[in-house]
All heavy atoms as atom14 arrays in JSON, in Angstrom:
{
  "sequence": "VIAFLDSPPVDTGGNVAQALRPRLGADAVREI",
  "atom14_mask": [
    [1, 1, 1, 1, 1, 1, 1, 0, 0, 0, 0, 0, 0, 0],
    [1, 1, 1, 1, 1, 1, 1, 1, 0, 0, 0, 0, 0, 0],
    [1, 1, 1, 1, 1, 0, 0, 0, 0, 0, 0, 0, 0, 0],
    [1, 1, 1, 1, 1, 1, 1, 1, 1, 1, 1, 0, 0, 0],
    [1, 1, 1, 1, 1, 1, 1, 1, 0, 0, 0, 0, 0, 0],
    [1, 1, 1, 1, 1, 1, 1, 1, 0, 0, 0, 0, 0, 0],
    [1, 1, 1, 1, 1, 1, 0, 0, 0, 0, 0, 0, 0, 0],
    [1, 1, 1, 1, 1, 1, 1, 0, 0, 0, 0, 0, 0, 0],
    [1, 1, 1, 1, 1, 1, 1, 0, 0, 0, 0, 0, 0, 0],
    [1, 1, 1, 1, 1, 1, 1, 0, 0, 0, 0, 0, 0, 0],
    [1, 1, 1, 1, 1, 1, 1, 1, 0, 0, 0, 0, 0, 0],
    [1, 1, 1, 1, 1, 1, 1, 0, 0, 0, 0, 0, 0, 0],
    [1, 1, 1, 1, 0, 0, 0, 0, 0, 0, 0, 0, 0, 0],
    [1, 1, 1, 1, 0, 0, 0, 0, 0, 0, 0, 0, 0, 0],
    [1, 1, 1, 1, 1, 1, 1, 1, 0, 0, 0, 0, 0, 0],
    [1, 1, 1, 1, 1, 1, 1, 0, 0, 0, 0, 0, 0, 0],
    [1, 1, 1, 1, 1, 0, 0, 0, 0, 0, 0, 0, 0, 0],
    [1, 1, 1, 1, 1, 1, 1, 1, 1, 0, 0, 0, 0, 0],
    [1, 1, 1, 1, 1, 0, 0, 0, 0, 0, 0, 0, 0, 0],
    [1, 1, 1, 1, 1, 1, 1, 1, 0, 0, 0, 0, 0, 0],
    [1, 1, 1, 1, 1, 1, 1, 1, 1, 1, 1, 0, 0, 0],
    [1, 1, 1, 1, 1, 1, 1, 0, 0, 0, 0, 0, 0, 0],
    [1, 1, 1, 1, 1, 1, 1, 1, 1, 1, 1, 0, 0, 0],
    [1, 1, 1, 1, 1, 1, 1, 1, 0, 0, 0, 0, 0, 0],
    [1, 1, 1, 1, 0, 0, 0, 0, 0, 0, 0, 0, 0, 0],
    [1, 1, 1, 1, 1, 0, 0, 0, 0, 0, 0, 0, 0, 0],
    [1, 1, 1, 1, 1, 1, 1, 1, 0, 0, 0, 0, 0, 0],
    [1, 1, 1, 1, 1, 0, 0, 0, 0, 0, 0, 0, 0, 0],
    [1, 1, 1, 1, 1, 1, 1, 0, 0, 0, 0, 0, 0, 0],
    [1, 1, 1, 1, 1, 1, 1, 1, 1, 1, 1, 0, 0, 0],
    [1, 1, 1, 1, 1, 1, 1, 1, 1, 0, 0, 0, 0, 0],
    [1, 1, 1, 1, 1, 1, 1, 1, 0, 0, 0, 0, 0, 0]
  ],
  "atom14_positions": [
    [[7.87, 3.16, 3.6], [6.85, 3.38, 2.54], [6.44, 1.98, 1.89], [5.3, 1.76, 1.47], [7.41, 4.37, 1.62], [6.53, 4.52, 0.19], [7.59, 5.67, 2.18], [0.0, 0.0, 0.0], [0.0, 0.0, 0.0], [0.0, 0.0, 0.0], [0.0, 0.0, 0.0], [0.0, 0.0, 0.0], [0.0, 0.0, 0.0], [0.0, 0.0, 0.0]],
    [[7.41, 1.2, 1.71], [7.18, -0.18, 1.04], [6.13, -0.91, 1.98], [5.16, -1.5, 1.58], [8.37, -0.94, 0.81], [9.2, -0.22, -0.28], [8.1, -2.39, 0.5], [10.62, -0.88, -0.41], [0.0, 0.0, 0.0], [0.0, 0.0, 0.0], [0.0, 0.0, 0.0], [0.0, 0.0, 0.0], [0.0, 0.0, 0.0], [0.0, 0.0, 0.0]],
    [[6.41, -0.9, 3.28], [5.57, -1.6, 4.18], [4.21, -1.05, 4.23], [3.14, -1.77, 4.26], [6.16, -1.62, 5.62], [0.0, 0.0, 0.0], [0.0, 0.0, 0.0], [0.0, 0.0, 0.0], [0.0, 0.0, 0.0], [0.0, 0.0, 0.0], [0.0, 0.0, 0.0], [0.0, 0.0, 0.0], [0.0, 0.0, 0.0], [0.0, 0.0, 0.0]],
    [[4.06, 0.31, 4.2], [2.73, 0.93, 4.1], [1.9, 0.57, 2.84], [0.76, 0.32, 2.88], [3.05, 2.44, 4.11], [1.8, 3.29, 3.99], [0.91, 3.47, 5.13], [1.55, 3.91, 2.87], [-0.25, 4.13, 4.98], [0.28, 4.66, 2.68], [-0.51, 4.88, 3.7], [0.0, 0.0, 0.0], [0.0, 0.0, 0.0], [0.0, 0.0, 0.0]],
    [[2.66, 0.46, 1.65], [1.94, 0.19, 0.45], [1.59, -1.29, 0.41], [0.65, -1.82, -0.3], [2.94, 0.56, -0.82], [3.01, 2.14, -0.99], [3.83, 2.34, -2.16], [1.65, 2.7, -1.27], [0.0, 0.0, 0.0], [0.0, 0.0, 0.0], [0.0, 0.0, 0.0], [0.0, 0.0, 0.0], [0.0, 0.0, 0.0], [0.0, 0.0, 0.0]],
    [[2.47, -2.19, 0.93], [2.3, -3.58, 0.71], [1.45, -4.18, 1.83], [1.12, -5.42, 1.65], [3.72, -4.29, 0.84], [3.7, -5.59, 0.09], [3.04, -5.72, -0.88], [4.52, -6.45, 0.52], [0.0, 0.0, 0.0], [0.0, 0.0, 0.0], [0.0, 0.0, 0.0], [0.0, 0.0, 0.0], [0.0, 0.0, 0.0], [0.0, 0.0, 0.0]],
    [[0.97, -3.39, 2.84], [0.08, -4.03, 3.75], [-1.35, -4.0, 3.22], [-1.68, -3.12, 2.39], [0.12, -3.27, 5.06], [-0.23, -1.86, 4.86], [0.0, 0.0, 0.0], [0.0, 0.0, 0.0], [0.0, 0.0, 0.0], [0.0, 0.0, 0.0], [0.0, 0.0, 0.0], [0.0, 0.0, 0.0], [0.0, 0.0, 0.0], [0.0, 0.0, 0.0]],
    [[-2.22, -4.91, 3.68], [-3.64, -4.82, 3.15], [-4.39, -3.66, 3.57], [-4.12, -3.19, 4.68], [-4.15, -6.1, 3.81], [-3.36, -6.37, 4.97], [-1.87, -5.92, 4.58], [0.0, 0.0, 0.0], [0.0, 0.0, 0.0], [0.0, 0.0, 0.0], [0.0, 0.0, 0.0], [0.0, 0.0, 0.0], [0.0, 0.0, 0.0], [0.0, 0.0, 0.0]],
    [[-5.31, -3.18, 2.79], [-6.15, -2.06, 3.12], [-6.89, -2.31, 4.42], [-7.42, -3.39, 4.66], [-6.93, -1.89, 1.85], [-6.34, -2.55, 0.84], [-5.69, -3.69, 1.5], [0.0, 0.0, 0.0], [0.0, 0.0, 0.0], [0.0, 0.0, 0.0], [0.0, 0.0, 0.0], [0.0, 0.0, 0.0], [0.0, 0.0, 0.0], [0.0, 0.0, 0.0]],
    [[-7.16, -1.24, 5.15], [-7.9, -1.33, 6.41], [-8.9, -0.21, 6.4], [-8.4, 0.89, 6.01], [-6.98, -1.21, 7.67], [-7.78, -1.34, 8.88], [-5.96, -2.42, 7.62], [0.0, 0.0, 0.0], [0.0, 0.0, 0.0], [0.0, 0.0, 0.0], [0.0, 0.0, 0.0], [0.0, 0.0, 0.0], [0.0, 0.0, 0.0], [0.0, 0.0, 0.0]],
    [[-10.13, -0.51, 6.73], [-11.08, 0.64, 6.72], [-10.8, 1.51, 8.04], [-11.03, 1.07, 9.13], [-12.49, 0.13, 6.81], [-13.5, 1.17, 6.71], [-13.19, 2.34, 6.68], [-14.67, 0.84, 6.79], [0.0, 0.0, 0.0], [0.0, 0.0, 0.0], [0.0, 0.0, 0.0], [0.0, 0.0, 0.0], [0.0, 0.0, 0.0], [0.0, 0.0, 0.0]],
    [[-10.39, 2.68, 7.88], [-10.16, 3.54, 9.05], [-10.99, 4.76, 9.21], [-10.7, 5.61, 9.85], [-8.61, 4.05, 8.85], [-8.59, 4.82, 7.69], [-7.54, 2.92, 8.85], [0.0, 0.0, 0.0], [0.0, 0.0, 0.0], [0.0, 0.0, 0.0], [0.0, 0.0, 0.0], [0.0, 0.0, 0.0], [0.0, 0.0, 0.0], [0.0, 0.0, 0.0]],
    [[-12.22, 4.57, 8.62], [-13.23, 5.57, 8.77], [-12.71, 6.86, 8.0], [-12.96, 7.87, 8.57], [0.0, 0.0, 0.0], [0.0, 0.0, 0.0], [0.0, 0.0, 0.0], [0.0, 0.0, 0.0], [0.0, 0.0, 0.0], [0.0, 0.0, 0.0], [0.0, 0.0, 0.0], [0.0, 0.0, 0.0], [0.0, 0.0, 0.0], [0.0, 0.0, 0.0]],
    [[-12.51, 6.82, 6.74], [-12.38, 8.02, 5.96], [-10.91, 8.23, 5.59], [-10.63, 9.29, 4.84], [0.0, 0.0, 0.0], [0.0, 0.0, 0.0], [0.0, 0.0, 0.0], [0.0, 0.0, 0.0], [0.0, 0.0, 0.0], [0.0, 0.0, 0.0], [0.0, 0.0, 0.0], [0.0, 0.0, 0.0], [0.0, 0.0, 0.0], [0.0, 0.0, 0.0]],
    [[-9.95, 7.32, 5.96], [-8.58, 7.62, 5.52], [-8.44, 7.22, 4.02], [-8.48, 6.06, 3.72], [-7.56, 6.83, 6.31], [-6.16, 7.1, 6.08], [-5.78, 7.15, 4.96], [-5.39, 7.2, 7.26], [0.0, 0.0, 0.0], [0.0, 0.0, 0.0], [0.0, 0.0, 0.0], [0.0, 0.0, 0.0], [0.0, 0.0, 0.0], [0.0, 0.0, 0.0]],
    [[-8.2, 8.27, 3.3], [-8.16, 8.09, 1.78], [-7.01, 7.07, 1.38], [-7.22, 6.2, 0.56], [-7.95, 9.43, 1.06], [-7.89, 9.19, -0.44], [-9.21, 10.26, 1.33], [0.0, 0.0, 0.0], [0.0, 0.0, 0.0], [0.0, 0.0, 0.0], [0.0, 0.0, 0.0], [0.0, 0.0, 0.0], [0.0, 0.0, 0.0], [0.0, 0.0, 0.0]],
    [[-5.84, 7.33, 1.98], [-4.73, 6.41, 1.62], [-5.0, 4.92, 1.89], [-4.62, 4.09, 1.09], [-3.51, 6.96, 2.34], [0.0, 0.0, 0.0], [0.0, 0.0, 0.0], [0.0, 0.0, 0.0], [0.0, 0.0, 0.0], [0.0, 0.0, 0.0], [0.0, 0.0, 0.0], [0.0, 0.0, 0.0], [0.0, 0.0, 0.0], [0.0, 0.0, 0.0]],
    [[-5.67, 4.71, 3.03], [-5.85, 3.27, 3.33], [-6.91, 2.7, 2.28], [-6.7, 1.51, 2.02], [-6.46, 3.11, 4.76], [-5.38, 3.56, 5.89], [-4.52, 2.43, 6.15], [-4.7, 1.31, 5.58], [-3.49, 2.63, 6.93], [0.0, 0.0, 0.0], [0.0, 0.0, 0.0], [0.0, 0.0, 0.0], [0.0, 0.0, 0.0], [0.0, 0.0, 0.0]],
    [[-7.75, 3.47, 1.85], [-8.79, 2.95, 0.95], [-8.32, 2.75, -0.49], [-8.95, 2.07, -1.14], [-10.02, 3.76, 0.95], [0.0, 0.0, 0.0], [0.0, 0.0, 0.0], [0.0, 0.0, 0.0], [0.0, 0.0, 0.0], [0.0, 0.0, 0.0], [0.0, 0.0, 0.0], [0.0, 0.0, 0.0], [0.0, 0.0, 0.0], [0.0, 0.0, 0.0]],
    [[-7.14, 3.36, -0.89], [-6.77, 3.32, -2.29], [-5.47, 2.67, -2.49], [-4.67, 2.85, -3.32], [-6.59, 4.7, -2.77], [-7.98, 5.59, -2.78], [-7.64, 6.97, -3.28], [-8.91, 4.84, -3.81], [0.0, 0.0, 0.0], [0.0, 0.0, 0.0], [0.0, 0.0, 0.0], [0.0, 0.0, 0.0], [0.0, 0.0, 0.0], [0.0, 0.0, 0.0]],
    [[-5.02, 1.63, -1.65], [-3.75, 1.01, -1.72], [-3.75, -0.34, -2.46], [-4.35, -1.34, -1.88], [-3.06, 0.89, -0.32], [-2.69, 2.13, 0.3], [-1.97, 1.95, 1.61], [-2.64, 0.89, 2.48], [-2.32, 0.55, 3.64], [-1.16, 1.04, 4.08], [-3.07, -0.24, 4.27], [0.0, 0.0, 0.0], [0.0, 0.0, 0.0], [0.0, 0.0, 0.0]],
    [[-3.22, -0.41, -3.6], [-2.97, -1.73, -4.18], [-1.75, -2.53, -3.76], [-0.99, -1.81, -2.97], [-2.89, -1.53, -5.7], [-2.27, -0.18, -5.73], [-2.74, 0.58, -4.45], [0.0, 0.0, 0.0], [0.0, 0.0, 0.0], [0.0, 0.0, 0.0], [0.0, 0.0, 0.0], [0.0, 0.0, 0.0], [0.0, 0.0, 0.0], [0.0, 0.0, 0.0]],
    [[-1.68, -3.71, -3.9], [-0.4, -4.45, -3.54], [0.69, -4.02, -4.46], [0.57, -3.79, -5.58], [-0.63, -5.93, -3.54], [-1.78, -6.37, -2.59], [-1.39, -6.1, -1.2], [-0.35, -6.97, -0.66], [-0.51, -8.15, -0.06], [-1.74, -8.59, 0.07], [0.57, -8.74, 0.28], [0.0, 0.0, 0.0], [0.0, 0.0, 0.0], [0.0, 0.0, 0.0]],
    [[1.92, -4.02, -3.87], [3.2, -3.7, -4.73], [3.66, -4.84, -5.58], [3.61, -6.0, -5.09], [4.3, -3.28, -3.76], [4.3, -1.82, -3.23], [5.49, -1.6, -2.29], [4.34, -0.93, -4.47], [0.0, 0.0, 0.0], [0.0, 0.0, 0.0], [0.0, 0.0, 0.0], [0.0, 0.0, 0.0], [0.0, 0.0, 0.0], [0.0, 0.0, 0.0]],
    [[4.33, -4.49, -6.6], [5.0, -5.51, -7.51], [6.36, -5.79, -7.04], [7.0, -4.71, -6.58], [0.0, 0.0, 0.0], [0.0, 0.0, 0.0], [0.0, 0.0, 0.0], [0.0, 0.0, 0.0], [0.0, 0.0, 0.0], [0.0, 0.0, 0.0], [0.0, 0.0, 0.0], [0.0, 0.0, 0.0], [0.0, 0.0, 0.0], [0.0, 0.0, 0.0]],
    [[6.95, -6.95, -7.16], [8.32, -7.32, -6.76], [9.3, -6.44, -7.52], [10.35, -5.98, -7.0], [8.56, -8.73, -7.0], [0.0, 0.0, 0.0], [0.0, 0.0, 0.0], [0.0, 0.0, 0.0], [0.0, 0.0, 0.0], [0.0, 0.0, 0.0], [0.0, 0.0, 0.0], [0.0, 0.0, 0.0], [0.0, 0.0, 0.0], [0.0, 0.0, 0.0]],
    [[9.08, -6.13, -8.86], [9.98, -5.35, -9.68], [10.18, -4.03, -8.98], [11.36, -3.43, -8.98], [9.48, -5.29, -11.13], [9.56, -6.64, -11.88], [10.33, -7.63, -11.34], [8.97, -6.78, -12.9], [0.0, 0.0, 0.0], [0.0, 0.0, 0.0], [0.0, 0.0, 0.0], [0.0, 0.0, 0.0], [0.0, 0.0, 0.0], [0.0, 0.0, 0.0]],
    [[9.11, -3.35, -8.74], [9.22, -1.96, -8.13], [9.98, -1.95, -6.86], [10.81, -1.0, -6.77], [7.77, -1.41, -8.09], [0.0, 0.0, 0.0], [0.0, 0.0, 0.0], [0.0, 0.0, 0.0], [0.0, 0.0, 0.0], [0.0, 0.0, 0.0], [0.0, 0.0, 0.0], [0.0, 0.0, 0.0], [0.0, 0.0, 0.0], [0.0, 0.0, 0.0]],
    [[9.75, -3.03, -6.03], [10.57, -3.11, -4.71], [11.92, -3.27, -5.05], [12.8, -2.61, -4.38], [9.9, -4.15, -3.89], [10.79, -4.45, -2.78], [8.55, -3.92, -3.56], [0.0, 0.0, 0.0], [0.0, 0.0, 0.0], [0.0, 0.0, 0.0], [0.0, 0.0, 0.0], [0.0, 0.0, 0.0], [0.0, 0.0, 0.0], [0.0, 0.0, 0.0]],
    [[12.4, -4.21, -5.88], [13.72, -4.27, -6.21], [14.3, -3.04, -6.81], [15.49, -2.7, -6.45], [13.84, -5.48, -7.18], [13.83, -6.91, -6.62], [14.33, -7.92, -7.51], [13.58, -8.06, -8.83], [12.5, -8.76, -8.88], [12.19, -9.63, -7.85], [11.86, -8.8, -9.97], [0.0, 0.0, 0.0], [0.0, 0.0, 0.0], [0.0, 0.0, 0.0]],
    [[13.72, -2.39, -7.66], [14.24, -1.15, -8.2], [14.53, -0.1, -7.27], [15.43, 0.48, -7.3], [13.34, -0.76, -9.44], [14.02, 0.48, -10.31], [13.09, 0.94, -11.36], [12.04, 0.38, -11.59], [13.31, 1.94, -12.06], [0.0, 0.0, 0.0], [0.0, 0.0, 0.0], [0.0, 0.0, 0.0], [0.0, 0.0, 0.0], [0.0, 0.0, 0.0]],
    [[13.48, 0.17, -6.39], [13.62, 1.2, -5.49], [14.59, 0.9, -4.47], [15.35, 1.82, -3.97], [12.28, 1.62, -4.84], [12.26, 2.88, -4.24], [11.89, 0.62, -3.71], [10.94, 3.63, -3.88], [0.0, 0.0, 0.0], [0.0, 0.0, 0.0], [0.0, 0.0, 0.0], [0.0, 0.0, 0.0], [0.0, 0.0, 0.0], [0.0, 0.0, 0.0]]
  ]
}
């Protein structure tokens, strides 16, 4: 899940999740 959120958005032709992903913060990663 971290790798999915932390990777750069890619246009996949309508994939909502790919289009709405911001980069993760280090604090959230450490906490989880």
